[in-house]
């Protein structure tokens, strides 16, 4: 049985470990080793990662299968999409499921948690960025009703890549 609960400060090393491994598992085949190493070194630098954990208006949830962490999500409030979505937007900055647990609907459970969290707190929009070449993730988000509204540059080492920005209207109930 999978249980999703808020991450605790003691979980920070675990969250970082899942982040690094999932990033490598998902994107190493499409990027140079140098760009992957540069991205991981910057994005998951231990002190930076810890600061993100404590950032105001940010929360992590971990999906546990028994005593093993299967994946996690990070939600946060930023003003990055404000020009497109207004002030009532919640960003799904990370949703990672470890390779071992993929195909078990854990990603869907985490997404349902994110959507529920946003609706409970009366946000109008849930939004995220997805790499334009991550077709598997795009199909997943499309099934959930996300729609493309913009794009931005995602720096992968020295390679500026394009992330599509997707939104879900939380005011519409299923």
N, C-alpha and C. Protein backbone atom coordinates (compact mmCIF):
# COMPACT_ATOMS: atom_id res chain seq x y z
N UNK A 1 0.84 -1.18 0.00
CA UNK A 1 0.00 0.00 0.00
C UNK A 1 0.89 1.25 0.00
N UNK A 2 0.49 2.24 -0.76
CA UNK A 2 1.24 3.48 -0.87
C UNK A 2 0.61 4.54 0.03
N UNK A 3 1.46 5.20 0.80
CA UNK A 3 1.01 6.29 1.66
C UNK A 3 1.78 7.55 1.26
N UNK A 4 1.06 8.66 1.12
CA UNK A 4 1.70 9.93 0.78
C UNK A 4 1.59 10.83 1.99
N UNK A 5 2.75 11.32 2.44
CA UNK A 5 2.75 12.20 3.61
C UNK A 5 3.79 13.30 3.44
N UNK A 6 3.63 14.40 4.18
CA UNK A 6 4.59 15.49 4.08
C UNK A 6 6.01 15.04 4.44
N UNK A 7 6.97 15.57 3.72
CA UNK A 7 8.37 15.28 4.02
C UNK A 7 8.78 16.03 5.28
N UNK A 8 9.70 15.47 6.00
CA UNK A 8 10.25 16.07 7.21
C UNK A 8 11.70 16.49 6.95
N UNK A 9 12.24 17.38 7.75
CA UNK A 9 13.64 17.79 7.55
C UNK A 9 14.61 16.61 7.46
N UNK A 10 14.37 15.55 8.23
CA UNK A 10 15.26 14.38 8.18
C UNK A 10 15.23 13.69 6.81
N UNK A 11 14.21 14.00 5.98
CA UNK A 11 14.09 13.39 4.65
C UNK A 11 14.88 14.11 3.57
N UNK A 12 15.48 15.24 3.89
CA UNK A 12 16.18 16.03 2.86
C UNK A 12 17.21 15.21 2.10
N UNK A 13 18.11 14.45 2.75
CA UNK A 13 19.07 13.65 1.97
C UNK A 13 18.38 12.64 1.05
N UNK A 14 17.30 12.04 1.51
CA UNK A 14 16.55 11.08 0.70
C UNK A 14 15.94 11.77 -0.52
N UNK A 15 15.34 12.94 -0.32
CA UNK A 15 14.75 13.68 -1.43
C UNK A 15 15.82 14.03 -2.47
N UNK A 16 16.97 14.45 -2.00
CA UNK A 16 18.08 14.79 -2.90
C UNK A 16 18.54 13.56 -3.68
N UNK A 17 18.65 12.44 -2.99
CA UNK A 17 19.08 11.20 -3.64
C UNK A 17 18.09 10.78 -4.73
N UNK A 18 16.80 10.83 -4.42
CA UNK A 18 15.78 10.48 -5.42
C UNK A 18 15.84 11.45 -6.59
N UNK A 19 16.04 12.72 -6.31
CA UNK A 19 16.11 13.73 -7.37
C UNK A 19 17.25 13.43 -8.33
N UNK A 20 18.42 13.20 -7.79
CA UNK A 20 19.59 12.94 -8.63
C UNK A 20 19.39 11.69 -9.47
N UNK A 21 18.98 10.61 -8.83
CA UNK A 21 18.84 9.36 -9.56
C UNK A 21 17.75 9.44 -10.63
N UNK A 22 16.63 10.06 -10.31
CA UNK A 22 15.54 10.18 -11.27
C UNK A 22 15.95 11.07 -12.44
N UNK A 23 16.67 12.15 -12.15
CA UNK A 23 17.16 13.04 -13.21
C UNK A 23 18.05 12.27 -14.17
N UNK A 24 18.97 11.50 -13.62
CA UNK A 24 19.89 10.72 -14.45
C UNK A 24 19.13 9.65 -15.23
N UNK A 25 18.27 8.90 -14.55
CA UNK A 25 17.51 7.84 -15.21
C UNK A 25 16.66 8.38 -16.36
N UNK A 26 16.11 9.57 -16.18
CA UNK A 26 15.18 10.12 -17.16
C UNK A 26 15.87 10.85 -18.30
N UNK A 27 16.94 11.57 -18.02
CA UNK A 27 17.48 12.49 -19.02
C UNK A 27 18.90 12.20 -19.50
N UNK A 28 19.62 11.27 -18.90
CA UNK A 28 21.01 11.02 -19.30
C UNK A 28 21.13 10.56 -20.74
N UNK A 29 20.16 9.79 -21.21
CA UNK A 29 20.26 9.27 -22.58
C UNK A 29 20.13 10.37 -23.64
N UNK A 30 19.56 11.51 -23.28
CA UNK A 30 19.32 12.60 -24.23
C UNK A 30 20.23 13.81 -24.02
N UNK A 31 21.19 13.70 -23.10
CA UNK A 31 22.07 14.81 -22.79
C UNK A 31 23.50 14.31 -22.64
N UNK A 32 24.45 15.20 -22.81
CA UNK A 32 25.85 14.80 -22.66
C UNK A 32 26.15 14.55 -21.18
N UNK A 33 27.12 13.68 -20.92
CA UNK A 33 27.51 13.45 -19.51
C UNK A 33 27.96 14.74 -18.83
N UNK A 34 28.61 15.63 -19.58
CA UNK A 34 29.07 16.88 -19.00
C UNK A 34 27.90 17.77 -18.59
N UNK A 35 26.88 17.86 -19.44
CA UNK A 35 25.72 18.68 -19.11
C UNK A 35 24.92 18.07 -17.95
N UNK A 36 24.81 16.77 -17.92
CA UNK A 36 24.11 16.13 -16.80
C UNK A 36 24.86 16.41 -15.50
N UNK A 37 26.18 16.24 -15.52
CA UNK A 37 26.98 16.46 -14.31
C UNK A 37 26.87 17.91 -13.85
N UNK A 38 26.93 18.84 -14.78
CA UNK A 38 26.84 20.26 -14.42
C UNK A 38 25.47 20.57 -13.82
N UNK A 39 24.42 20.03 -14.42
CA UNK A 39 23.08 20.28 -13.90
C UNK A 39 22.91 19.70 -12.50
N UNK A 40 23.28 18.45 -12.32
CA UNK A 40 23.14 17.79 -11.02
C UNK A 40 23.96 18.53 -9.96
N UNK A 41 25.18 18.91 -10.32
CA UNK A 41 26.05 19.62 -9.38
C UNK A 41 25.40 20.94 -8.92
N UNK A 42 24.78 21.65 -9.85
CA UNK A 42 24.16 22.94 -9.51
C UNK A 42 22.80 22.77 -8.84
N UNK A 43 21.91 22.04 -9.48
CA UNK A 43 20.52 21.95 -9.00
C UNK A 43 20.40 21.22 -7.67
N UNK A 44 21.26 20.26 -7.43
CA UNK A 44 21.13 19.43 -6.25
C UNK A 44 22.29 19.60 -5.27
N UNK A 45 22.96 20.74 -5.35
CA UNK A 45 24.02 21.05 -4.39
C UNK A 45 23.38 20.98 -3.01
N UNK A 46 24.02 20.28 -2.06
CA UNK A 46 23.36 20.01 -0.78
C UNK A 46 22.79 21.22 -0.04
N UNK A 47 23.55 22.29 0.11
CA UNK A 47 23.03 23.44 0.84
C UNK A 47 21.90 24.13 0.08
N UNK A 48 22.03 24.21 -1.23
CA UNK A 48 20.96 24.81 -2.05
C UNK A 48 19.68 23.97 -1.92
N UNK A 49 19.83 22.66 -1.99
CA UNK A 49 18.68 21.77 -1.88
C UNK A 49 18.01 21.92 -0.52
N UNK A 50 18.81 22.03 0.53
CA UNK A 50 18.26 22.22 1.87
C UNK A 50 17.53 23.56 1.98
N UNK A 51 18.09 24.61 1.42
CA UNK A 51 17.42 25.92 1.45
C UNK A 51 16.07 25.85 0.75
N UNK A 52 16.00 25.12 -0.38
CA UNK A 52 14.73 24.96 -1.09
C UNK A 52 13.69 24.28 -0.22
N UNK A 53 14.13 23.32 0.57
CA UNK A 53 13.20 22.60 1.45
C UNK A 53 12.51 23.57 2.41
N UNK A 54 13.26 24.52 2.91
CA UNK A 54 12.73 25.47 3.89
C UNK A 54 12.17 26.74 3.28
N UNK A 55 12.13 26.83 1.96
CA UNK A 55 11.62 28.02 1.29
C UNK A 55 10.16 28.25 1.71
N UNK A 56 9.80 29.51 2.03
CA UNK A 56 8.39 29.79 2.36
C UNK A 56 7.47 29.40 1.20
N UNK A 57 6.26 29.02 1.52
CA UNK A 57 5.25 28.64 0.52
C UNK A 57 5.71 27.47 -0.35
N UNK A 58 6.42 26.54 0.25
CA UNK A 58 6.90 25.35 -0.44
C UNK A 58 6.62 24.14 0.44
N UNK A 59 6.23 23.03 -0.18
CA UNK A 59 6.00 21.80 0.58
C UNK A 59 6.37 20.60 -0.28
N UNK A 60 6.90 19.60 0.37
CA UNK A 60 7.24 18.33 -0.27
C UNK A 60 6.34 17.24 0.31
N UNK A 61 5.92 16.33 -0.55
CA UNK A 61 5.22 15.12 -0.12
C UNK A 61 5.98 13.92 -0.67
N UNK A 62 6.12 12.90 0.17
CA UNK A 62 6.80 11.67 -0.25
C UNK A 62 5.78 10.55 -0.34
N UNK A 63 5.88 9.76 -1.40
CA UNK A 63 5.08 8.54 -1.54
C UNK A 63 5.91 7.39 -0.97
N UNK A 64 5.36 6.73 0.01
CA UNK A 64 6.03 5.60 0.65
C UNK A 64 5.31 4.31 0.31
N UNK A 65 6.06 3.30 -0.06
CA UNK A 65 5.53 1.95 -0.19
C UNK A 65 6.21 1.14 0.91
N UNK A 66 5.48 0.91 1.97
CA UNK A 66 6.09 0.31 3.15
C UNK A 66 7.10 1.30 3.74
N UNK A 67 8.32 0.85 3.91
CA UNK A 67 9.38 1.70 4.46
C UNK A 67 10.24 2.33 3.37
N UNK A 68 9.88 2.11 2.11
CA UNK A 68 10.70 2.59 1.00
C UNK A 68 10.05 3.78 0.30
N UNK A 69 10.83 4.82 0.09
CA UNK A 69 10.34 6.00 -0.62
C UNK A 69 10.27 5.68 -2.11
N UNK A 70 9.10 5.87 -2.69
CA UNK A 70 8.89 5.56 -4.10
C UNK A 70 9.02 6.79 -4.99
N UNK A 71 8.80 7.96 -4.41
CA UNK A 71 8.88 9.20 -5.18
C UNK A 71 8.41 10.36 -4.32
N UNK A 72 8.41 11.54 -4.93
CA UNK A 72 7.98 12.71 -4.18
C UNK A 72 7.53 13.81 -5.13
N UNK A 73 6.92 14.82 -4.53
CA UNK A 73 6.56 16.03 -5.28
C UNK A 73 6.94 17.24 -4.46
N UNK A 74 7.17 18.33 -5.16
CA UNK A 74 7.40 19.63 -4.51
C UNK A 74 6.44 20.64 -5.11
N UNK A 75 5.71 21.31 -4.25
CA UNK A 75 4.80 22.38 -4.63
C UNK A 75 5.35 23.68 -4.07
N UNK A 76 5.18 24.77 -4.82
CA UNK A 76 5.63 26.06 -4.31
C UNK A 76 4.87 27.19 -4.98
N UNK A 77 4.86 28.31 -4.30
CA UNK A 77 4.25 29.52 -4.84
C UNK A 77 5.38 30.42 -5.34
N UNK A 78 5.33 30.78 -6.61
CA UNK A 78 6.29 31.71 -7.21
C UNK A 78 5.50 32.70 -8.06
N UNK A 79 6.19 33.72 -8.54
CA UNK A 79 5.51 34.68 -9.42
C UNK A 79 5.88 34.46 -10.88
N UNK A 80 6.55 33.35 -11.20
CA UNK A 80 7.02 33.12 -12.57
C UNK A 80 5.89 33.11 -13.60
N UNK A 81 4.77 32.54 -13.28
CA UNK A 81 3.67 32.43 -14.25
C UNK A 81 2.59 33.48 -14.03
N UNK A 82 2.84 34.43 -13.15
CA UNK A 82 1.82 35.41 -12.79
C UNK A 82 1.29 36.19 -14.00
N UNK A 83 2.15 36.53 -14.94
CA UNK A 83 1.72 37.28 -16.13
C UNK A 83 0.70 36.49 -16.95
N UNK A 84 0.76 35.17 -16.87
CA UNK A 84 -0.15 34.31 -17.64
C UNK A 84 -1.36 33.85 -16.83
N UNK A 85 -1.15 33.61 -15.53
CA UNK A 85 -2.18 32.95 -14.72
C UNK A 85 -2.70 33.79 -13.57
N UNK A 86 -2.14 34.96 -13.35
CA UNK A 86 -2.56 35.77 -12.22
C UNK A 86 -1.84 35.34 -10.96
N UNK A 87 -2.30 35.84 -9.84
CA UNK A 87 -1.61 35.62 -8.56
C UNK A 87 -1.99 34.30 -7.88
N UNK A 88 -3.03 33.63 -8.34
CA UNK A 88 -3.51 32.43 -7.66
C UNK A 88 -3.06 31.17 -8.40
N UNK A 89 -1.72 31.00 -8.46
CA UNK A 89 -1.16 29.85 -9.18
C UNK A 89 -0.15 29.13 -8.29
N UNK A 90 -0.22 27.82 -8.30
CA UNK A 90 0.65 26.96 -7.53
C UNK A 90 1.52 26.18 -8.51
N UNK A 91 2.83 26.21 -8.31
CA UNK A 91 3.73 25.48 -9.21
C UNK A 91 4.00 24.09 -8.67
N UNK A 92 3.89 23.10 -9.54
CA UNK A 92 4.36 21.75 -9.27
C UNK A 92 5.78 21.73 -9.82
N UNK A 93 6.75 22.00 -8.96
CA UNK A 93 8.12 22.15 -9.44
C UNK A 93 8.79 20.81 -9.70
N UNK A 94 8.48 19.82 -8.88
CA UNK A 94 9.08 18.50 -9.07
C UNK A 94 8.04 17.42 -8.78
N UNK A 95 8.01 16.43 -9.63
CA UNK A 95 7.28 15.20 -9.33
C UNK A 95 8.14 14.07 -9.89
N UNK A 96 8.74 13.32 -9.00
CA UNK A 96 9.69 12.28 -9.37
C UNK A 96 9.24 10.95 -8.78
N UNK A 97 9.28 9.92 -9.62
CA UNK A 97 9.01 8.56 -9.17
C UNK A 97 10.24 7.72 -9.53
N UNK A 98 10.80 7.05 -8.55
CA UNK A 98 11.97 6.22 -8.80
C UNK A 98 11.66 5.14 -9.82
N UNK A 99 12.63 4.82 -10.64
CA UNK A 99 12.44 3.86 -11.73
C UNK A 99 11.81 2.56 -11.24
N UNK A 100 12.25 2.07 -10.10
CA UNK A 100 11.74 0.81 -9.54
C UNK A 100 10.23 0.84 -9.34
N UNK A 101 9.67 2.04 -9.11
CA UNK A 101 8.26 2.15 -8.78
C UNK A 101 7.40 2.67 -9.93
N UNK A 102 8.02 2.92 -11.06
CA UNK A 102 7.23 3.43 -12.19
C UNK A 102 6.31 2.34 -12.71
N UNK A 103 5.16 2.77 -13.23
CA UNK A 103 4.16 1.83 -13.72
C UNK A 103 3.22 1.32 -12.65
N UNK A 104 3.31 1.88 -11.44
CA UNK A 104 2.45 1.44 -10.34
C UNK A 104 1.44 2.50 -9.92
N UNK A 105 1.26 3.50 -10.77
CA UNK A 105 0.29 4.59 -10.55
C UNK A 105 0.69 5.54 -9.42
N UNK A 106 1.95 5.48 -9.00
CA UNK A 106 2.42 6.36 -7.93
C UNK A 106 2.48 7.80 -8.43
N UNK A 107 2.91 7.99 -9.68
CA UNK A 107 2.90 9.34 -10.26
C UNK A 107 1.50 9.93 -10.25
N UNK A 108 0.51 9.12 -10.59
CA UNK A 108 -0.88 9.58 -10.57
C UNK A 108 -1.31 9.93 -9.15
N UNK A 109 -0.93 9.12 -8.18
CA UNK A 109 -1.28 9.42 -6.79
C UNK A 109 -0.65 10.73 -6.33
N UNK A 110 0.59 10.96 -6.72
CA UNK A 110 1.25 12.22 -6.37
C UNK A 110 0.56 13.40 -7.05
N UNK A 111 0.17 13.22 -8.30
CA UNK A 111 -0.54 14.30 -9.00
C UNK A 111 -1.88 14.58 -8.35
N UNK A 112 -2.58 13.54 -7.95
CA UNK A 112 -3.86 13.74 -7.25
C UNK A 112 -3.65 14.49 -5.95
N UNK A 113 -2.53 14.20 -5.27
CA UNK A 113 -2.21 14.93 -4.03
C UNK A 113 -1.97 16.40 -4.34
N UNK A 114 -1.22 16.69 -5.40
CA UNK A 114 -0.93 18.08 -5.79
C UNK A 114 -2.22 18.82 -6.15
N UNK A 115 -3.07 18.19 -6.92
CA UNK A 115 -4.33 18.82 -7.33
C UNK A 115 -5.21 19.06 -6.10
N UNK A 116 -5.31 18.08 -5.23
CA UNK A 116 -6.10 18.24 -4.02
C UNK A 116 -5.56 19.34 -3.12
N UNK A 117 -4.26 19.40 -2.98
CA UNK A 117 -3.63 20.44 -2.17
C UNK A 117 -3.98 21.82 -2.73
N UNK A 118 -3.85 21.96 -4.03
CA UNK A 118 -4.17 23.25 -4.67
C UNK A 118 -5.62 23.65 -4.51
N UNK A 119 -6.51 22.70 -4.69
CA UNK A 119 -7.95 23.00 -4.54
C UNK A 119 -8.31 23.32 -3.10
N UNK A 120 -7.76 22.57 -2.15
CA UNK A 120 -8.04 22.83 -0.73
C UNK A 120 -7.64 24.25 -0.34
N UNK A 121 -6.59 24.75 -0.95
CA UNK A 121 -6.09 26.08 -0.62
C UNK A 121 -6.59 27.15 -1.57
N UNK A 122 -7.57 26.76 -2.39
CA UNK A 122 -8.28 27.70 -3.27
C UNK A 122 -7.40 28.37 -4.33
N UNK A 123 -6.37 27.67 -4.80
CA UNK A 123 -5.61 28.18 -5.94
C UNK A 123 -6.45 28.00 -7.20
N UNK A 124 -6.31 28.92 -8.14
CA UNK A 124 -7.02 28.82 -9.41
C UNK A 124 -6.31 27.87 -10.37
N UNK A 125 -4.98 27.85 -10.30
CA UNK A 125 -4.19 27.11 -11.29
C UNK A 125 -3.10 26.27 -10.62
N UNK A 126 -2.85 25.12 -11.20
CA UNK A 126 -1.65 24.32 -10.92
C UNK A 126 -0.86 24.33 -12.22
N UNK A 127 0.40 24.66 -12.15
CA UNK A 127 1.20 24.72 -13.38
C UNK A 127 2.55 24.04 -13.17
N UNK A 128 3.18 23.70 -14.29
CA UNK A 128 4.47 23.02 -14.25
C UNK A 128 5.20 23.24 -15.57
N UNK A 129 6.47 22.92 -15.55
CA UNK A 129 7.27 22.93 -16.77
C UNK A 129 7.67 21.51 -17.12
N UNK A 130 7.63 21.19 -18.41
CA UNK A 130 8.04 19.86 -18.88
C UNK A 130 8.88 20.04 -20.15
N UNK A 131 9.97 19.31 -20.23
CA UNK A 131 10.86 19.41 -21.38
C UNK A 131 10.10 19.07 -22.65
N UNK A 132 10.34 19.86 -23.68
CA UNK A 132 9.63 19.66 -24.95
C UNK A 132 9.89 18.27 -25.56
N UNK A 133 10.96 17.60 -25.14
CA UNK A 133 11.27 16.27 -25.67
C UNK A 133 10.89 15.14 -24.71
N UNK A 134 10.25 15.46 -23.60
CA UNK A 134 9.82 14.43 -22.64
C UNK A 134 8.38 14.04 -22.97
N UNK A 135 8.26 13.24 -24.02
CA UNK A 135 6.94 12.89 -24.56
C UNK A 135 6.12 12.04 -23.59
N UNK A 136 6.78 11.18 -22.84
CA UNK A 136 6.06 10.34 -21.86
C UNK A 136 5.37 11.22 -20.82
N UNK A 137 6.10 12.19 -20.27
CA UNK A 137 5.52 13.08 -19.27
C UNK A 137 4.42 13.95 -19.88
N UNK A 138 4.64 14.42 -21.09
CA UNK A 138 3.63 15.26 -21.75
C UNK A 138 2.32 14.49 -21.91
N UNK A 139 2.40 13.24 -22.30
CA UNK A 139 1.19 12.42 -22.47
C UNK A 139 0.49 12.22 -21.11
N UNK A 140 1.27 12.02 -20.07
CA UNK A 140 0.73 11.86 -18.72
C UNK A 140 -0.04 13.11 -18.30
N UNK A 141 0.58 14.28 -18.48
CA UNK A 141 -0.07 15.53 -18.08
C UNK A 141 -1.29 15.83 -18.94
N UNK A 142 -1.22 15.47 -20.21
CA UNK A 142 -2.36 15.68 -21.10
C UNK A 142 -3.58 14.89 -20.62
N UNK A 143 -3.35 13.65 -20.19
CA UNK A 143 -4.45 12.82 -19.68
C UNK A 143 -5.10 13.43 -18.44
N UNK A 144 -4.32 14.19 -17.70
CA UNK A 144 -4.84 14.83 -16.49
C UNK A 144 -5.52 16.16 -16.78
N UNK A 145 -5.45 16.61 -18.03
CA UNK A 145 -6.14 17.84 -18.41
C UNK A 145 -5.27 19.08 -18.48
N UNK A 146 -3.97 18.94 -18.34
CA UNK A 146 -3.08 20.09 -18.44
C UNK A 146 -3.03 20.60 -19.88
N UNK A 147 -2.94 21.91 -20.01
CA UNK A 147 -2.87 22.57 -21.32
C UNK A 147 -1.63 23.47 -21.37
N UNK A 148 -1.00 23.50 -22.52
CA UNK A 148 0.19 24.34 -22.71
C UNK A 148 -0.21 25.80 -22.76
N UNK A 149 0.56 26.66 -22.05
CA UNK A 149 0.25 28.09 -22.08
C UNK A 149 1.45 28.96 -22.39
N UNK A 150 2.66 28.41 -22.31
CA UNK A 150 3.84 29.20 -22.61
C UNK A 150 5.05 28.27 -22.63
N UNK A 151 6.23 28.85 -22.61
CA UNK A 151 7.46 28.07 -22.51
C UNK A 151 8.53 28.94 -21.88
N UNK A 152 9.59 28.28 -21.40
CA UNK A 152 10.74 29.01 -20.89
C UNK A 152 12.00 28.18 -21.12
N UNK A 153 13.14 28.82 -20.92
CA UNK A 153 14.41 28.14 -21.09
C UNK A 153 14.75 27.40 -19.80
N UNK A 154 15.16 26.17 -19.98
CA UNK A 154 15.64 25.33 -18.89
C UNK A 154 17.10 25.05 -19.20
N UNK A 155 18.00 25.52 -18.34
CA UNK A 155 19.43 25.39 -18.62
C UNK A 155 19.94 24.04 -18.13
N UNK A 156 20.35 23.20 -19.08
CA UNK A 156 20.92 21.89 -18.77
C UNK A 156 22.41 21.98 -19.07
N UNK A 157 23.19 22.33 -18.04
CA UNK A 157 24.62 22.55 -18.27
C UNK A 157 24.78 23.74 -19.19
N UNK A 158 25.47 23.51 -20.34
CA UNK A 158 25.63 24.62 -21.30
C UNK A 158 24.61 24.55 -22.44
N UNK A 159 23.57 23.71 -22.27
CA UNK A 159 22.55 23.52 -23.30
C UNK A 159 21.23 24.17 -22.87
N UNK A 160 20.88 25.32 -23.49
CA UNK A 160 19.58 25.92 -23.17
C UNK A 160 18.47 25.10 -23.85
N UNK A 161 17.62 24.48 -23.04
CA UNK A 161 16.54 23.65 -23.56
C UNK A 161 15.21 24.35 -23.35
N UNK A 162 14.20 23.89 -24.06
CA UNK A 162 12.88 24.50 -23.95
C UNK A 162 11.96 23.63 -23.11
N UNK A 163 11.42 24.24 -22.08
CA UNK A 163 10.38 23.61 -21.27
C UNK A 163 9.05 24.22 -21.67
N UNK A 164 8.06 23.37 -21.89
CA UNK A 164 6.71 23.84 -22.10
C UNK A 164 6.10 24.08 -20.73
N UNK A 165 5.37 25.15 -20.60
CA UNK A 165 4.65 25.42 -19.36
C UNK A 165 3.21 24.98 -19.55
N UNK A 166 2.76 24.14 -18.64
CA UNK A 166 1.42 23.56 -18.71
C UNK A 166 0.61 24.01 -17.50
N UNK A 167 -0.69 24.17 -17.70
CA UNK A 167 -1.57 24.61 -16.61
C UNK A 167 -2.79 23.71 -16.51
N UNK A 168 -3.30 23.62 -15.28
CA UNK A 168 -4.53 22.91 -15.00
C UNK A 168 -5.42 23.85 -14.20
N UNK A 169 -6.64 24.05 -14.66
CA UNK A 169 -7.59 24.93 -13.98
C UNK A 169 -8.17 24.17 -12.79
N UNK A 170 -7.81 24.60 -11.60
CA UNK A 170 -8.26 23.91 -10.39
C UNK A 170 -9.69 24.29 -10.00
N UNK A 171 -10.25 25.29 -10.65
CA UNK A 171 -11.62 25.71 -10.35
C UNK A 171 -12.63 24.75 -10.99
N UNK A 172 -12.17 23.96 -11.95
CA UNK A 172 -13.02 22.99 -12.63
C UNK A 172 -12.89 21.66 -11.89
N UNK A 173 -13.98 21.15 -11.38
CA UNK A 173 -13.96 19.87 -10.69
C UNK A 173 -14.15 18.73 -11.69
N UNK A 174 -13.54 17.60 -11.38
CA UNK A 174 -13.63 16.42 -12.28
C UNK A 174 -15.06 15.95 -12.41
